[in-house]
């Protein structure tokens, strides 16, 4: 089971672990504020990434992401 990690950006929700379909690239995201941390980033530190920008930069949408275990 994945431990609960609070969002340090907004403090309003827990981070969820996702992966991109196909590449299996892992990232953490806050459902409340859409902040995003790549797998190698420290989730206890602020981030400048956002889900929509991350997916758009790859030319894909949410249909290419799924919750990871």
N, C-alpha and C. Protein backbone atom coordinates (compact mmCIF):
# COMPACT_ATOMS: atom_id res chain seq x y z
N UNK A 1 0.84 -1.18 0.00
CA UNK A 1 0.00 0.00 0.00
C UNK A 1 0.89 1.25 0.00
N UNK A 2 0.52 2.22 -0.82
CA UNK A 2 1.27 3.46 -0.92
C UNK A 2 0.96 4.35 0.28
N UNK A 3 2.00 4.89 0.93
CA UNK A 3 1.74 5.76 2.10
C UNK A 3 1.07 7.06 1.66
N UNK A 4 0.28 7.65 2.56
CA UNK A 4 -0.36 8.93 2.27
C UNK A 4 0.68 10.04 2.36
N UNK A 5 0.76 10.82 1.30
CA UNK A 5 1.71 11.94 1.23
C UNK A 5 0.90 13.21 1.04
N UNK A 6 0.96 14.14 1.99
CA UNK A 6 0.20 15.38 1.83
C UNK A 6 0.81 16.28 0.76
N UNK A 7 -0.03 17.04 0.08
CA UNK A 7 0.45 17.98 -0.92
C UNK A 7 1.06 19.19 -0.21
N UNK A 8 2.34 19.43 -0.43
CA UNK A 8 3.00 20.57 0.21
C UNK A 8 2.67 21.87 -0.50
N UNK A 9 2.11 21.77 -1.71
CA UNK A 9 1.77 22.97 -2.48
C UNK A 9 0.47 23.60 -1.95
N UNK A 10 -0.59 22.81 -1.78
CA UNK A 10 -1.87 23.36 -1.34
C UNK A 10 -2.30 22.91 0.05
N UNK A 11 -1.80 21.75 0.48
CA UNK A 11 -2.17 21.22 1.79
C UNK A 11 -3.62 20.77 1.89
N UNK A 12 -4.30 20.62 0.77
CA UNK A 12 -5.72 20.30 0.77
C UNK A 12 -6.05 18.84 0.46
N UNK A 13 -5.06 18.07 0.01
CA UNK A 13 -5.34 16.69 -0.39
C UNK A 13 -4.06 15.86 -0.30
N UNK A 14 -4.22 14.55 -0.54
CA UNK A 14 -3.10 13.62 -0.56
C UNK A 14 -2.65 13.42 -1.99
N UNK A 15 -1.36 13.22 -2.18
CA UNK A 15 -0.84 12.94 -3.52
C UNK A 15 -1.27 11.55 -3.95
N UNK A 16 -1.54 11.42 -5.23
CA UNK A 16 -1.90 10.15 -5.84
C UNK A 16 -0.77 9.75 -6.79
N UNK A 17 -0.49 8.47 -6.84
CA UNK A 17 0.56 7.95 -7.71
C UNK A 17 -0.07 7.51 -9.04
N UNK A 18 0.48 8.00 -10.15
CA UNK A 18 -0.01 7.68 -11.49
C UNK A 18 1.13 7.18 -12.35
N UNK A 19 0.76 6.55 -13.45
CA UNK A 19 1.73 6.17 -14.47
C UNK A 19 1.13 6.42 -15.84
N UNK A 20 1.99 6.71 -16.79
CA UNK A 20 1.54 6.87 -18.16
C UNK A 20 1.41 5.50 -18.80
N UNK A 21 0.32 5.31 -19.49
CA UNK A 21 0.13 4.04 -20.20
C UNK A 21 1.18 3.95 -21.30
N UNK A 22 1.67 2.78 -21.53
CA UNK A 22 2.68 2.58 -22.57
C UNK A 22 4.09 2.73 -22.03
N UNK A 23 4.45 3.94 -21.58
CA UNK A 23 5.82 4.16 -21.09
C UNK A 23 5.99 3.76 -19.64
N UNK A 24 4.90 3.70 -18.90
CA UNK A 24 4.91 3.38 -17.46
C UNK A 24 5.67 4.43 -16.64
N UNK A 25 5.84 5.63 -17.20
CA UNK A 25 6.49 6.72 -16.47
C UNK A 25 5.64 7.07 -15.25
N UNK A 26 6.28 7.10 -14.08
CA UNK A 26 5.59 7.35 -12.81
C UNK A 26 5.63 8.83 -12.45
N UNK A 27 4.52 9.32 -11.91
CA UNK A 27 4.49 10.67 -11.36
C UNK A 27 3.47 10.72 -10.23
N UNK A 28 3.64 11.69 -9.37
CA UNK A 28 2.73 11.94 -8.25
C UNK A 28 1.97 13.23 -8.54
N UNK A 29 0.68 13.26 -8.23
CA UNK A 29 -0.12 14.45 -8.50
C UNK A 29 -1.14 14.68 -7.40
N UNK A 30 -1.46 15.94 -7.18
CA UNK A 30 -2.48 16.33 -6.22
C UNK A 30 -3.80 16.53 -6.98
N UNK A 31 -4.83 15.79 -6.63
CA UNK A 31 -6.12 15.95 -7.30
C UNK A 31 -6.75 17.32 -7.06
N UNK A 32 -6.40 17.97 -5.98
CA UNK A 32 -6.99 19.26 -5.62
C UNK A 32 -6.40 20.42 -6.43
N UNK A 33 -5.07 20.54 -6.46
CA UNK A 33 -4.44 21.71 -7.11
C UNK A 33 -3.72 21.36 -8.41
N UNK A 34 -3.68 20.07 -8.76
CA UNK A 34 -3.04 19.58 -9.98
C UNK A 34 -1.53 19.76 -10.03
N UNK A 35 -0.90 19.97 -8.88
CA UNK A 35 0.57 20.00 -8.83
C UNK A 35 1.08 18.60 -9.13
N UNK A 36 2.28 18.54 -9.72
CA UNK A 36 2.81 17.27 -10.16
C UNK A 36 4.28 17.15 -9.78
N UNK A 37 4.68 15.96 -9.35
CA UNK A 37 6.07 15.64 -9.05
C UNK A 37 6.46 14.43 -9.87
N UNK A 38 7.58 14.51 -10.57
CA UNK A 38 8.09 13.36 -11.29
C UNK A 38 8.64 12.36 -10.29
N UNK A 39 8.80 11.13 -10.72
CA UNK A 39 9.20 10.05 -9.81
C UNK A 39 10.48 10.35 -9.05
N UNK A 40 11.44 11.04 -9.68
CA UNK A 40 12.72 11.30 -9.03
C UNK A 40 12.73 12.60 -8.21
N UNK A 41 11.60 13.31 -8.14
CA UNK A 41 11.54 14.55 -7.37
C UNK A 41 11.12 14.27 -5.93
N UNK A 42 11.58 15.10 -5.02
CA UNK A 42 11.24 15.00 -3.61
C UNK A 42 9.85 15.60 -3.40
N UNK A 43 8.88 14.77 -3.01
CA UNK A 43 7.50 15.23 -2.84
C UNK A 43 7.30 16.08 -1.59
N UNK A 44 8.35 16.22 -0.78
CA UNK A 44 8.24 17.09 0.40
C UNK A 44 8.69 18.51 0.07
N UNK A 45 9.09 18.74 -1.19
CA UNK A 45 9.50 20.07 -1.64
C UNK A 45 8.51 20.60 -2.68
N UNK A 46 8.43 21.92 -2.81
CA UNK A 46 7.55 22.55 -3.79
C UNK A 46 7.88 22.10 -5.21
N UNK A 47 6.92 22.22 -6.08
CA UNK A 47 7.11 21.89 -7.49
C UNK A 47 6.55 23.02 -8.35
N UNK A 48 7.07 23.15 -9.56
CA UNK A 48 6.56 24.12 -10.53
C UNK A 48 5.78 23.42 -11.64
N UNK A 49 5.61 22.11 -11.52
CA UNK A 49 4.93 21.34 -12.55
C UNK A 49 3.45 21.19 -12.25
N UNK A 50 2.65 21.13 -13.31
CA UNK A 50 1.21 20.90 -13.19
C UNK A 50 0.79 19.81 -14.17
N UNK A 51 -0.22 19.04 -13.78
CA UNK A 51 -0.66 17.89 -14.57
C UNK A 51 -0.94 18.28 -16.01
N UNK A 52 -1.76 19.30 -16.21
CA UNK A 52 -2.17 19.67 -17.57
C UNK A 52 -0.98 20.06 -18.44
N UNK A 53 -0.04 20.81 -17.88
CA UNK A 53 1.14 21.21 -18.64
C UNK A 53 2.03 20.00 -18.96
N UNK A 54 2.18 19.11 -18.00
CA UNK A 54 2.99 17.90 -18.18
C UNK A 54 2.42 17.04 -19.30
N UNK A 55 1.11 16.76 -19.25
CA UNK A 55 0.50 15.93 -20.28
C UNK A 55 0.52 16.63 -21.64
N UNK A 56 0.24 17.93 -21.65
CA UNK A 56 0.25 18.69 -22.90
C UNK A 56 1.64 18.68 -23.54
N UNK A 57 2.69 18.76 -22.72
CA UNK A 57 4.06 18.76 -23.25
C UNK A 57 4.39 17.43 -23.94
N UNK A 58 3.66 16.39 -23.58
CA UNK A 58 3.86 15.07 -24.19
C UNK A 58 2.86 14.82 -25.32
N UNK A 59 1.96 15.79 -25.53
CA UNK A 59 0.97 15.66 -26.59
C UNK A 59 -0.12 14.65 -26.29
N UNK A 60 -0.40 14.45 -24.99
CA UNK A 60 -1.41 13.46 -24.59
C UNK A 60 -2.37 14.08 -23.58
N UNK A 61 -3.42 13.34 -23.27
CA UNK A 61 -4.40 13.79 -22.28
C UNK A 61 -4.49 12.79 -21.14
N UNK A 62 -5.44 13.04 -20.25
CA UNK A 62 -5.63 12.19 -19.08
C UNK A 62 -5.93 10.74 -19.44
N UNK A 63 -6.45 10.51 -20.64
CA UNK A 63 -6.76 9.13 -21.03
C UNK A 63 -5.50 8.27 -21.19
N UNK A 64 -4.32 8.91 -21.15
CA UNK A 64 -3.05 8.17 -21.24
C UNK A 64 -2.40 7.97 -19.87
N UNK A 65 -3.12 8.34 -18.81
CA UNK A 65 -2.60 8.17 -17.44
C UNK A 65 -3.54 7.26 -16.66
N UNK A 66 -2.96 6.52 -15.73
CA UNK A 66 -3.76 5.64 -14.87
C UNK A 66 -3.12 5.61 -13.50
N UNK A 67 -3.95 5.33 -12.48
CA UNK A 67 -3.41 5.21 -11.13
C UNK A 67 -2.44 4.05 -11.08
N UNK A 68 -1.34 4.26 -10.39
CA UNK A 68 -0.32 3.22 -10.24
C UNK A 68 -0.41 2.62 -8.85
N UNK A 69 0.01 1.41 -8.74
CA UNK A 69 0.02 0.74 -7.43
C UNK A 69 1.35 0.95 -6.75
